[in-house]
PDB file of N, CA and C in Angstrom:
ATOM      1  N   UNK A   1      90.878 111.283 109.706  1.00  0.00           N
ATOM      2  CA  UNK A   1      91.965 111.833 108.934  1.00  0.00           C
ATOM      3  C   UNK A   1      91.642 113.254 108.493  1.00  0.00           C
ATOM      4  N   UNK A   2      90.390 113.488 108.165  1.00  0.00           N
ATOM      5  CA  UNK A   2      90.018 114.797 107.627  1.00  0.00           C
ATOM      6  C   UNK A   2      90.180 115.910 108.662  1.00  0.00           C
ATOM      7  N   UNK A   3      90.086 115.585 109.942  1.00  0.00           N
ATOM      8  CA  UNK A   3      90.209 116.603 110.986  1.00  0.00           C
ATOM      9  C   UNK A   3      91.648 116.984 111.286  1.00  0.00           C
ATOM     10  N   UNK A   4      92.595 116.240 110.771  1.00  0.00           N
ATOM     11  CA  UNK A   4      94.011 116.516 110.995  1.00  0.00           C
ATOM     12  C   UNK A   4      94.574 117.336 109.854  1.00  0.00           C
ATOM     13  N   UNK A   5      95.462 118.245 110.155  1.00  0.00           N
ATOM     14  CA  UNK A   5      96.099 119.044 109.110  1.00  0.00           C
ATOM     15  C   UNK A   5      97.034 118.163 108.296  1.00  0.00           C
ATOM     16  N   UNK A   6      97.084 118.409 107.004  1.00  0.00           N
ATOM     17  CA  UNK A   6      97.980 117.640 106.160  1.00  0.00           C
ATOM     18  C   UNK A   6      97.600 117.745 104.710  1.00  0.00           C
ATOM     19  N   UNK A   7      98.145 116.866 103.916  1.00  0.00           N
ATOM     20  CA  UNK A   7      97.990 116.905 102.474  1.00  0.00           C
ATOM     21  C   UNK A   7      96.643 116.402 102.005  1.00  0.00           C
ATOM     22  N   UNK A   8      95.972 115.541 102.784  1.00  0.00           N
ATOM     23  CA  UNK A   8      94.687 114.985 102.368  1.00  0.00           C
ATOM     24  C   UNK A   8      93.560 115.969 102.665  1.00  0.00           C
ATOM     25  N   UNK A   9      92.805 116.306 101.637  1.00  0.00           N
ATOM     26  CA  UNK A   9      91.634 117.171 101.793  1.00  0.00           C
ATOM     27  C   UNK A   9      90.439 116.442 101.196  1.00  0.00           C
ATOM     28  N   UNK A  10      89.458 116.058 102.018  1.00  0.00           N
ATOM     29  CA  UNK A  10      88.333 115.283 101.497  1.00  0.00           C
ATOM     30  C   UNK A  10      87.532 116.024 100.433  1.00  0.00           C
ATOM     31  N   UNK A  11      87.492 117.360 100.505  1.00  0.00           N
ATOM     32  CA  UNK A  11      86.734 118.123  99.521  1.00  0.00           C
ATOM     33  C   UNK A  11      87.422 118.148  98.155  1.00  0.00           C
ATOM     34  N   UNK A  12      88.701 117.846  98.106  1.00  0.00           N
ATOM     35  CA  UNK A  12      89.444 117.860  96.846  1.00  0.00           C
ATOM     36  C   UNK A  12      89.766 116.453  96.354  1.00  0.00           C
ATOM     37  N   UNK A  13      89.282 115.445  97.064  1.00  0.00           N
ATOM     38  CA  UNK A  13      89.580 114.060  96.716  1.00  0.00           C
ATOM     39  C   UNK A  13      88.302 113.346  96.288  1.00  0.00           C
ATOM     40  N   UNK A  14      88.460 112.301  95.502  1.00  0.00           N
ATOM     41  CA  UNK A  14      87.274 111.511  95.149  1.00  0.00           C
ATOM     42  C   UNK A  14      86.675 110.886  96.410  1.00  0.00           C
ATOM     43  N   UNK A  15      85.417 110.506  96.331  1.00  0.00           N
ATOM     44  CA  UNK A  15      84.769 109.938  97.509  1.00  0.00           C
ATOM     45  C   UNK A  15      85.457 108.641  97.927  1.00  0.00           C
ATOM     46  N   UNK A  16      85.429 108.417  99.203  1.00  0.00           N
ATOM     47  CA  UNK A  16      86.034 107.215  99.773  1.00  0.00           C
ATOM     48  C   UNK A  16      84.897 106.326 100.260  1.00  0.00           C
ATOM     49  N   UNK A  17      84.751 105.178  99.599  1.00  0.00           N
ATOM     50  CA  UNK A  17      83.639 104.294  99.903  1.00  0.00           C
ATOM     51  C   UNK A  17      84.066 102.998 100.579  1.00  0.00           C
ATOM     52  N   UNK A  18      85.356 102.668 100.521  1.00  0.00           N
ATOM     53  CA  UNK A  18      85.810 101.392 101.055  1.00  0.00           C
ATOM     54  C   UNK A  18      87.067 101.588 101.902  1.00  0.00           C
ATOM     55  N   UNK A  19      87.393 100.567 102.662  1.00  0.00           N
ATOM     56  CA  UNK A  19      88.626 100.585 103.443  1.00  0.00           C
ATOM     57  C   UNK A  19      89.839 100.643 102.523  1.00  0.00           C
ATOM     58  N   UNK A  20      89.758 100.025 101.369  1.00  0.00           N
ATOM     59  CA  UNK A  20      90.855 100.068 100.405  1.00  0.00           C
ATOM     60  C   UNK A  20      91.096 101.512  99.955  1.00  0.00           C
ATOM     61  N   UNK A  21      90.008 102.252  99.685  1.00  0.00           N
ATOM     62  CA  UNK A  21      90.136 103.659  99.297  1.00  0.00           C
ATOM     63  C   UNK A  21      90.797 104.465 100.402  1.00  0.00           C
ATOM     64  N   UNK A  22      90.371 104.244 101.632  1.00  0.00           N
ATOM     65  CA  UNK A  22      90.918 104.976 102.772  1.00  0.00           C
ATOM     66  C   UNK A  22      92.384 104.632 102.985  1.00  0.00           C
ATOM     67  N   UNK A  23      92.725 103.363 102.868  1.00  0.00           N
ATOM     68  CA  UNK A  23      94.121 102.942 103.027  1.00  0.00           C
ATOM     69  C   UNK A  23      95.004 103.592 101.976  1.00  0.00           C
ATOM     70  N   UNK A  24      94.490 103.729 100.763  1.00  0.00           N
ATOM     71  CA  UNK A  24      95.267 104.359  99.704  1.00  0.00           C
ATOM     72  C   UNK A  24      95.615 105.797 100.071  1.00  0.00           C
ATOM     73  N   UNK A  25      94.672 106.505 100.666  1.00  0.00           N
ATOM     74  CA  UNK A  25      94.919 107.879 101.100  1.00  0.00           C
ATOM     75  C   UNK A  25      95.990 107.910 102.189  1.00  0.00           C
ATOM     76  N   UNK A  26      96.023 106.878 103.050  1.00  0.00           N
ATOM     77  CA  UNK A  26      97.016 106.790 104.123  1.00  0.00           C
ATOM     78  C   UNK A  26      98.334 106.200 103.621  1.00  0.00           C
ATOM     79  N   UNK A  27      98.428 105.975 102.332  1.00  0.00           N
ATOM     80  CA  UNK A  27      99.624 105.428 101.694  1.00  0.00           C
ATOM     81  C   UNK A  27      99.922 104.007 102.159  1.00  0.00           C
ATOM     82  N   UNK A  28      98.845 103.242 102.402  1.00  0.00           N
ATOM     83  CA  UNK A  28      98.961 101.831 102.764  1.00  0.00           C
ATOM     84  C   UNK A  28      98.317 101.019 101.645  1.00  0.00           C
ATOM     85  N   UNK A  29      98.506  99.733 101.683  1.00  0.00           N
ATOM     86  CA  UNK A  29      97.821  98.851 100.747  1.00  0.00           C
ATOM     87  C   UNK A  29      97.100  97.777 101.548  1.00  0.00           C
ATOM     88  N   UNK A  30      96.054  97.249 100.969  1.00  0.00           N
ATOM     89  CA  UNK A  30      95.283  96.197 101.637  1.00  0.00           C
ATOM     90  C   UNK A  30      95.131  95.032 100.668  1.00  0.00           C
ATOM     91  N   UNK A  31      95.380  93.837 101.196  1.00  0.00           N
ATOM     92  CA  UNK A  31      95.194  92.616 100.428  1.00  0.00           C
ATOM     93  C   UNK A  31      94.299  91.700 101.253  1.00  0.00           C
ATOM     94  N   UNK A  32      93.277  91.156 100.626  1.00  0.00           N
ATOM     95  CA  UNK A  32      92.402  90.221 101.329  1.00  0.00           C
ATOM     96  C   UNK A  32      92.947  88.814 101.154  1.00  0.00           C
ATOM     97  N   UNK A  33      93.020  88.078 102.269  1.00  0.00           N
ATOM     98  CA  UNK A  33      93.488  86.702 102.265  1.00  0.00           C
ATOM     99  C   UNK A  33      92.455  85.875 103.020  1.00  0.00           C
ATOM    100  N   UNK A  34      91.449  85.396 102.315  1.00  0.00           N
ATOM    101  CA  UNK A  34      90.358  84.667 102.968  1.00  0.00           C
ATOM    102  C   UNK A  34      89.598  85.589 103.901  1.00  0.00           C
ATOM    103  N   UNK A  35      89.527  85.226 105.163  1.00  0.00           N
ATOM    104  CA  UNK A  35      88.848  86.051 106.160  1.00  0.00           C
ATOM    105  C   UNK A  35      89.744  87.128 106.738  1.00  0.00           C
ATOM    106  N   UNK A  36      90.987  87.174 106.307  1.00  0.00           N
ATOM    107  CA  UNK A  36      91.957  88.123 106.854  1.00  0.00           C
ATOM    108  C   UNK A  36      92.190  89.276 105.889  1.00  0.00           C
ATOM    109  N   UNK A  37      92.542  90.426 106.448  1.00  0.00           N
ATOM    110  CA  UNK A  37      92.959  91.572 105.655  1.00  0.00           C
ATOM    111  C   UNK A  37      94.391  91.876 106.054  1.00  0.00           C
ATOM    112  N   UNK A  38      95.272  91.957 105.076  1.00  0.00           N
ATOM    113  CA  UNK A  38      96.675  92.257 105.347  1.00  0.00           C
ATOM    114  C   UNK A  38      96.998  93.657 104.858  1.00  0.00           C
ATOM    115  N   UNK A  39      97.624  94.450 105.734  1.00  0.00           N
ATOM    116  CA  UNK A  39      98.047  95.794 105.379  1.00  0.00           C
ATOM    117  C   UNK A  39      99.494  95.766 104.940  1.00  0.00           C
ATOM    118  N   UNK A  40      99.822  96.574 103.975  1.00  0.00           N
ATOM    119  CA  UNK A  40     101.183  96.708 103.504  1.00  0.00           C
ATOM    120  C   UNK A  40     101.479  98.173 103.287  1.00  0.00           C
ATOM    121  N   UNK A  41     102.577  98.457 102.626  1.00  0.00           N
ATOM    122  CA  UNK A  41     102.940  99.845 102.377  1.00  0.00           C
ATOM    123  C   UNK A  41     102.857 100.135 100.885  1.00  0.00           C
ATOM    124  N   UNK A  42     102.794 101.387 100.576  1.00  0.00           N
ATOM    125  CA  UNK A  42     102.752 101.835  99.184  1.00  0.00           C
ATOM    126  C   UNK A  42     104.170 101.793  98.635  1.00  0.00           C
ATOM    127  N   UNK A  43     104.467 100.760  97.861  1.00  0.00           N
ATOM    128  CA  UNK A  43     105.831 100.651  97.334  1.00  0.00           C
ATOM    129  C   UNK A  43     105.971 101.310  95.967  1.00  0.00           C
ATOM    130  N   UNK A  44     104.897 101.968  95.545  1.00  0.00           N
ATOM    131  CA  UNK A  44     104.948 102.763  94.323  1.00  0.00           C
ATOM    132  C   UNK A  44     104.674 104.207  94.715  1.00  0.00           C
ATOM    133  N   UNK A  45     105.131 105.122  93.949  1.00  0.00           N
ATOM    134  CA  UNK A  45     104.893 106.519  94.290  1.00  0.00           C
ATOM    135  C   UNK A  45     105.872 106.999  95.333  1.00  0.00           C
ATOM    136  N   UNK A  46     105.453 107.991  96.107  1.00  0.00           N
ATOM    137  CA  UNK A  46     106.319 108.619  97.097  1.00  0.00           C
ATOM    138  C   UNK A  46     105.521 108.833  98.381  1.00  0.00           C
ATOM    139  N   UNK A  47     105.296 107.765  99.173  1.00  0.00           N
ATOM    140  CA  UNK A  47     104.465 107.908 100.361  1.00  0.00           C
ATOM    141  C   UNK A  47     105.081 108.860 101.376  1.00  0.00           C
ATOM    142  N   UNK A  48     104.236 109.624 102.050  1.00  0.00           N
ATOM    143  CA  UNK A  48     104.673 110.588 103.071  1.00  0.00           C
ATOM    144  C   UNK A  48     103.918 110.321 104.360  1.00  0.00           C
ATOM    145  N   UNK A  49     104.609 110.495 105.486  1.00  0.00           N
ATOM    146  CA  UNK A  49     103.960 110.348 106.775  1.00  0.00           C
ATOM    147  C   UNK A  49     103.339 111.675 107.164  1.00  0.00           C
ATOM    148  N   UNK A  50     102.271 111.629 107.960  1.00  0.00           N
ATOM    149  CA  UNK A  50     101.598 112.834 108.415  1.00  0.00           C
ATOM    150  C   UNK A  50     100.734 112.495 109.617  1.00  0.00           C
ATOM    151  N   UNK A  51     100.164 113.506 110.243  1.00  0.00           N
ATOM    152  CA  UNK A  51      99.188 113.268 111.312  1.00  0.00           C
ATOM    153  C   UNK A  51      97.992 112.502 110.766  1.00  0.00           C
ATOM    154  N   UNK A  52      97.654 112.731 109.505  1.00  0.00           N
ATOM    155  CA  UNK A  52      96.533 112.017 108.904  1.00  0.00           C
ATOM    156  C   UNK A  52      96.840 110.528 108.773  1.00  0.00           C
ATOM    157  N   UNK A  53      98.065 110.190 108.429  1.00  0.00           N
ATOM    158  CA  UNK A  53      98.440 108.786 108.330  1.00  0.00           C
ATOM    159  C   UNK A  53      98.433 108.140 109.711  1.00  0.00           C
ATOM    160  N   UNK A  54      98.955 108.848 110.712  1.00  0.00           N
ATOM    161  CA  UNK A  54      98.890 108.339 112.085  1.00  0.00           C
ATOM    162  C   UNK A  54      97.440 108.099 112.469  1.00  0.00           C
ATOM    163  N   UNK A  55      96.550 109.034 112.136  1.00  0.00           N
ATOM    164  CA  UNK A  55      95.124 108.903 112.464  1.00  0.00           C
ATOM    165  C   UNK A  55      94.536 107.631 111.855  1.00  0.00           C
ATOM    166  N   UNK A  56      94.946 107.291 110.636  1.00  0.00           N
ATOM    167  CA  UNK A  56      94.471 106.067 109.995  1.00  0.00           C
ATOM    168  C   UNK A  56      94.863 104.846 110.823  1.00  0.00           C
ATOM    169  N   UNK A  57      96.149 104.746 111.178  1.00  0.00           N
ATOM    170  CA  UNK A  57      96.612 103.572 111.920  1.00  0.00           C
ATOM    171  C   UNK A  57      96.020 103.500 113.325  1.00  0.00           C
ATOM    172  N   UNK A  58      95.755 104.627 113.949  1.00  0.00           N
ATOM    173  CA  UNK A  58      95.101 104.637 115.261  1.00  0.00           C
ATOM    174  C   UNK A  58      93.635 104.226 115.110  1.00  0.00           C
ATOM    175  N   UNK A  59      92.957 104.728 114.090  1.00  0.00           N
ATOM    176  CA  UNK A  59      91.529 104.469 113.909  1.00  0.00           C
ATOM    177  C   UNK A  59      91.216 103.007 113.600  1.00  0.00           C
ATOM    178  N   UNK A  60      92.132 102.294 112.952  1.00  0.00           N
ATOM    179  CA  UNK A  60      91.845 100.890 112.645  1.00  0.00           C
ATOM    180  C   UNK A  60      92.071  99.972 113.841  1.00  0.00           C
ATOM    181  N   UNK A  61      92.729 100.464 114.892  1.00  0.00           N
ATOM    182  CA  UNK A  61      93.085  99.616 116.043  1.00  0.00           C
ATOM    183  C   UNK A  61      91.921  98.795 116.603  1.00  0.00           C
ATOM    184  N   UNK A  62      90.732  99.361 116.795  1.00  0.00           N
ATOM    185  CA  UNK A  62      89.651  98.550 117.358  1.00  0.00           C
ATOM    186  C   UNK A  62      89.257  97.354 116.502  1.00  0.00           C
ATOM    187  N   UNK A  63      89.653  97.352 115.249  1.00  0.00           N
ATOM    188  CA  UNK A  63      89.269  96.289 114.338  1.00  0.00           C
ATOM    189  C   UNK A  63      90.387  95.301 114.052  1.00  0.00           C
ATOM    190  N   UNK A  64      91.555  95.504 114.685  1.00  0.00           N
ATOM    191  CA  UNK A  64      92.715  94.651 114.424  1.00  0.00           C
ATOM    192  C   UNK A  64      92.891  93.675 115.579  1.00  0.00           C
ATOM    193  N   UNK A  65      92.912  92.397 115.243  1.00  0.00           N
ATOM    194  CA  UNK A  65      93.093  91.367 116.254  1.00  0.00           C
ATOM    195  C   UNK A  65      94.534  91.332 116.744  1.00  0.00           C
ATOM    196  N   UNK A  66      95.481  91.361 115.800  1.00  0.00           N
ATOM    197  CA  UNK A  66      96.897  91.361 116.166  1.00  0.00           C
ATOM    198  C   UNK A  66      97.733  91.713 114.953  1.00  0.00           C
ATOM    199  N   UNK A  67      98.962  92.128 115.207  1.00  0.00           N
ATOM    200  CA  UNK A  67      99.890  92.424 114.120  1.00  0.00           C
ATOM    201  C   UNK A  67     100.754  93.617 114.441  1.00  0.00           C
ATOM    202  N   UNK A  68     101.741  93.844 113.592  1.00  0.00           N
ATOM    203  CA  UNK A  68     102.662  94.955 113.764  1.00  0.00           C
ATOM    204  C   UNK A  68     102.894  95.622 112.417  1.00  0.00           C
ATOM    205  N   UNK A  69     102.890  96.947 112.422  1.00  0.00           N
ATOM    206  CA  UNK A  69     103.196  97.741 111.237  1.00  0.00           C
ATOM    207  C   UNK A  69     104.533  98.412 111.507  1.00  0.00           C
ATOM    208  N   UNK A  70     105.514  98.182 110.633  1.00  0.00           N
ATOM    209  CA  UNK A  70     106.839  98.786 110.763  1.00  0.00           C
ATOM    210  C   UNK A  70     106.936  99.970 109.820  1.00  0.00           C
ATOM    211  N   UNK A  71     107.425 101.093 110.323  1.00  0.00           N
ATOM    212  CA  UNK A  71     107.522 102.317 109.533  1.00  0.00           C
ATOM    213  C   UNK A  71     108.963 102.792 109.507  1.00  0.00           C
ATOM    214  N   UNK A  72     109.392 103.286 108.352  1.00  0.00           N
ATOM    215  CA  UNK A  72     110.697 103.919 108.234  1.00  0.00           C
ATOM    216  C   UNK A  72     110.489 105.300 107.642  1.00  0.00           C
ATOM    217  N   UNK A  73     110.904 106.330 108.377  1.00  0.00           N
ATOM    218  CA  UNK A  73     110.764 107.704 107.916  1.00  0.00           C
ATOM    219  C   UNK A  73     111.798 108.057 106.868  1.00  0.00           C
ATOM    220  N   UNK A  74     111.579 109.197 106.235  1.00  0.00           N
ATOM    221  CA  UNK A  74     112.505 109.648 105.193  1.00  0.00           C
ATOM    222  C   UNK A  74     113.909 109.887 105.736  1.00  0.00           C
ATOM    223  N   UNK A  75     114.017 110.179 107.053  1.00  0.00           N
ATOM    224  CA  UNK A  75     115.331 110.421 107.656  1.00  0.00           C
ATOM    225  C   UNK A  75     115.969 109.133 108.184  1.00  0.00           C
ATOM    226  N   UNK A  76     115.311 107.995 107.936  1.00  0.00           N
ATOM    227  CA  UNK A  76     115.837 106.718 108.401  1.00  0.00           C
ATOM    228  C   UNK A  76     115.320 106.297 109.760  1.00  0.00           C
ATOM    229  N   UNK A  77     114.566 107.169 110.435  1.00  0.00           N
ATOM    230  CA  UNK A  77     113.987 106.802 111.731  1.00  0.00           C
ATOM    231  C   UNK A  77     113.044 105.619 111.544  1.00  0.00           C
ATOM    232  N   UNK A  78     113.022 104.730 112.519  1.00  0.00           N
ATOM    233  CA  UNK A  78     112.160 103.554 112.450  1.00  0.00           C
ATOM    234  C   UNK A  78     111.334 103.459 113.717  1.00  0.00           C
ATOM    235  N   UNK A  79     110.062 103.172 113.547  1.00  0.00           N
ATOM    236  CA  UNK A  79     109.166 102.928 114.668  1.00  0.00           C
ATOM    237  C   UNK A  79     108.102 101.953 114.195  1.00  0.00           C
ATOM    238  N   UNK A  80     107.313 101.446 115.110  1.00  0.00           N
ATOM    239  CA  UNK A  80     106.279 100.486 114.729  1.00  0.00           C
ATOM    240  C   UNK A  80     105.055 100.656 115.611  1.00  0.00           C
ATOM    241  N   UNK A  81     103.948 100.145 115.102  1.00  0.00           N
ATOM    242  CA  UNK A  81     102.705 100.072 115.855  1.00  0.00           C
ATOM    243  C   UNK A  81     102.355  98.604 116.000  1.00  0.00           C
ATOM    244  N   UNK A  82     102.126  98.177 117.235  1.00  0.00           N
ATOM    245  CA  UNK A  82     101.717  96.803 117.492  1.00  0.00           C
ATOM    246  C   UNK A  82     100.265  96.810 117.937  1.00  0.00           C
ATOM    247  N   UNK A  83      99.494  95.939 117.340  1.00  0.00           N
ATOM    248  CA  UNK A  83      98.066  95.821 117.631  1.00  0.00           C
ATOM    249  C   UNK A  83      97.817  94.535 118.394  1.00  0.00           C
ATOM    250  N   UNK A  84      96.971  94.614 119.416  1.00  0.00           N
ATOM    251  CA  UNK A  84      96.549  93.432 120.165  1.00  0.00           C
ATOM    252  C   UNK A  84      95.194  93.717 120.782  1.00  0.00           C
ATOM    253  N   UNK A  85      94.226  92.891 120.452  1.00  0.00           N
ATOM    254  CA  UNK A  85      92.886  92.985 121.022  1.00  0.00           C
ATOM    255  C   UNK A  85      92.297  94.394 120.947  1.00  0.00           C
ATOM    256  N   UNK A  86      92.413  95.031 119.812  1.00  0.00           N
ATOM    257  CA  UNK A  86      91.808  96.338 119.606  1.00  0.00           C
ATOM    258  C   UNK A  86      92.587  97.524 120.149  1.00  0.00           C
ATOM    259  N   UNK A  87      93.791  97.293 120.631  1.00  0.00           N
ATOM    260  CA  UNK A  87      94.627  98.356 121.181  1.00  0.00           C
ATOM    261  C   UNK A  87      95.859  98.546 120.309  1.00  0.00           C
ATOM    262  N   UNK A  88      96.435  99.744 120.351  1.00  0.00           N
ATOM    263  CA  UNK A  88      97.644 100.046 119.595  1.00  0.00           C
ATOM    264  C   UNK A  88      98.720 100.544 120.544  1.00  0.00           C
ATOM    265  N   UNK A  89      99.940 100.077 120.341  1.00  0.00           N
ATOM    266  CA  UNK A  89     101.087 100.519 121.123  1.00  0.00           C
ATOM    267  C   UNK A  89     102.205 100.870 120.146  1.00  0.00           C
ATOM    268  N   UNK A  90     102.835 101.998 120.369  1.00  0.00           N
ATOM    269  CA  UNK A  90     103.955 102.407 119.512  1.00  0.00           C
ATOM    270  C   UNK A  90     105.266 101.984 120.152  1.00  0.00           C
ATOM    271  N   UNK A  91     106.152 101.427 119.332  1.00  0.00           N
ATOM    272  CA  UNK A  91     107.508 101.120 119.758  1.00  0.00           C
ATOM    273  C   UNK A  91     108.433 102.039 118.979  1.00  0.00           C
ATOM    274  N   UNK A  92     109.330 102.689 119.695  1.00  0.00           N
ATOM    275  CA  UNK A  92     110.310 103.543 119.041  1.00  0.00           C
ATOM    276  C   UNK A  92     109.880 105.000 118.972  1.00  0.00           C
ATOM    277  N   UNK A  93     110.797 105.781 118.461  1.00  0.00           N
ATOM    278  CA  UNK A  93     110.649 107.224 118.341  1.00  0.00           C
ATOM    279  C   UNK A  93     110.151 107.549 116.947  1.00  0.00           C
ATOM    280  N   UNK A  94     108.976 108.175 116.847  1.00  0.00           N
ATOM    281  CA  UNK A  94     108.391 108.539 115.565  1.00  0.00           C
ATOM    282  C   UNK A  94     109.231 109.641 114.931  1.00  0.00           C
ATOM    283  N   UNK A  95     109.887 109.319 113.834  1.00  0.00           N
ATOM    284  CA  UNK A  95     110.762 110.276 113.171  1.00  0.00           C
ATOM    285  C   UNK A  95     110.041 111.451 112.551  1.00  0.00           C
ATOM    286  N   UNK A  96     108.735 111.363 112.394  1.00  0.00           N
ATOM    287  CA  UNK A  96     107.992 112.461 111.779  1.00  0.00           C
ATOM    288  C   UNK A  96     107.615 113.524 112.801  1.00  0.00           C
ATOM    289  N   UNK A  97     107.054 113.100 113.933  1.00  0.00           N
ATOM    290  CA  UNK A  97     106.610 114.099 114.918  1.00  0.00           C
ATOM    291  C   UNK A  97     107.389 114.056 116.225  1.00  0.00           C
ATOM    292  N   UNK A  98     108.352 113.135 116.351  1.00  0.00           N
ATOM    293  CA  UNK A  98     109.202 113.090 117.535  1.00  0.00           C
ATOM    294  C   UNK A  98     108.551 112.535 118.779  1.00  0.00           C
ATOM    295  N   UNK A  99     107.444 111.805 118.635  1.00  0.00           N
ATOM    296  CA  UNK A  99     106.751 111.277 119.807  1.00  0.00           C
ATOM    297  C   UNK A  99     107.126 109.809 120.040  1.00  0.00           C
ATOM    298  N   UNK A 100     106.828 109.330 121.241  1.00  0.00           N
ATOM    299  CA  UNK A 100     107.041 107.918 121.548  1.00  0.00           C
ATOM    300  C   UNK A 100     105.711 107.188 121.718  1.00  0.00           C
ATOM    301  N   UNK A 101     104.613 107.862 121.361  1.00  0.00           N
ATOM    302  CA  UNK A 101     103.292 107.255 121.327  1.00  0.00           C
ATOM    303  C   UNK A 101     102.469 108.015 120.290  1.00  0.00           C
ATOM    304  N   UNK A 102     101.453 107.361 119.702  1.00  0.00           N
ATOM    305  CA  UNK A 102     100.668 108.058 118.687  1.00  0.00           C
ATOM    306  C   UNK A 102     100.073 109.360 119.221  1.00  0.00           C
ATOM    307  N   UNK A 103     100.305 110.434 118.518  1.00  0.00           N
ATOM    308  CA  UNK A 103      99.836 111.779 118.867  1.00  0.00           C
ATOM    309  C   UNK A 103     100.373 112.255 120.211  1.00  0.00           C
ATOM    310  N   UNK A 104     101.527 111.717 120.605  1.00  0.00           N
ATOM    311  CA  UNK A 104     102.158 112.130 121.857  1.00  0.00           C
ATOM    312  C   UNK A 104     102.936 113.418 121.686  1.00  0.00           C
ATOM    313  N   UNK A 105     103.513 113.856 122.771  1.00  0.00           N
ATOM    314  CA  UNK A 105     104.329 115.064 122.776  1.00  0.00           C
ATOM    315  C   UNK A 105     105.699 114.772 122.175  1.00  0.00           C
ATOM    316  N   UNK A 106     106.317 115.801 121.620  1.00  0.00           N
ATOM    317  CA  UNK A 106     107.667 115.672 121.085  1.00  0.00           C
ATOM    318  C   UNK A 106     108.615 115.280 122.206  1.00  0.00           C
ATOM    319  N   UNK A 107     109.510 114.332 121.922  1.00  0.00           N
ATOM    320  CA  UNK A 107     110.503 113.881 122.892  1.00  0.00           C
ATOM    321  C   UNK A 107     111.876 114.044 122.264  1.00  0.00           C
ATOM    322  N   UNK A 108     112.747 114.769 122.945  1.00  0.00           N
ATOM    323  CA  UNK A 108     114.115 114.950 122.460  1.00  0.00           C
ATOM    324  C   UNK A 108     114.873 113.640 122.661  1.00  0.00           C
ATOM    325  N   UNK A 109     115.482 113.149 121.620  1.00  0.00           N
ATOM    326  CA  UNK A 109     116.262 111.926 121.695  1.00  0.00           C
ATOM    327  C   UNK A 109     117.693 112.297 122.052  1.00  0.00           C
ATOM    328  N   UNK A 110     118.202 111.739 123.144  1.00  0.00           N
ATOM    329  CA  UNK A 110     119.531 112.086 123.637  1.00  0.00           C
ATOM    330  C   UNK A 110     120.637 111.588 122.717  1.00  0.00           C
ATOM    331  N   UNK A 111     120.436 110.437 122.101  1.00  0.00           N
ATOM    332  CA  UNK A 111     121.469 109.842 121.269  1.00  0.00           C
ATOM    333  C   UNK A 111     121.552 110.549 119.920  1.00  0.00           C
ATOM    334  N   UNK A 112     122.738 111.042 119.540  1.00  0.00           N
ATOM    335  CA  UNK A 112     122.858 111.721 118.247  1.00  0.00           C
ATOM    336  C   UNK A 112     122.779 110.754 117.067  1.00  0.00           C
ATOM    337  N   UNK A 113     122.888 109.459 117.332  1.00  0.00           N
ATOM    338  CA  UNK A 113     122.878 108.507 116.235  1.00  0.00           C
ATOM    339  C   UNK A 113     121.533 107.778 116.096  1.00  0.00           C
ATOM    340  N   UNK A 114     120.431 108.406 116.574  1.00  0.00           N
ATOM    341  CA  UNK A 114     119.149 107.754 116.311  1.00  0.00           C
ATOM    342  C   UNK A 114     118.992 107.685 114.804  1.00  0.00           C
ATOM    343  N   UNK A 115     118.367 106.824 114.258  1.00  0.00           N
ATOM    344  CA  UNK A 115     117.317 105.915 114.651  1.00  0.00           C
ATOM    345  C   UNK A 115     117.865 104.677 115.236  1.00  0.00           C
TER     346      UNK A 115
END
């Protein structure tokens, strides 16, 4: 996350010692349920998407057995990341950077009524 441009600056933030701390920076929440860790969204405050947040969701992929994270951008765009066996796949058009895959190239959406 620190190598990506955005609002998070490690030199201006408190130290990050746990996955919970890191998730908070990515505007996610983590709840432990026995041997499982469940990710959620920050329903308090004003979460913002960024390349740093994308980096968080890409970086956790090798550690995720399965699941899907659904995202809704400020403009109403919706996309998701599906995890399976340590891999991540994006479904939909990322309303923040216009890509159809994590860190992909901008793709012009032909339909004027996206999302």
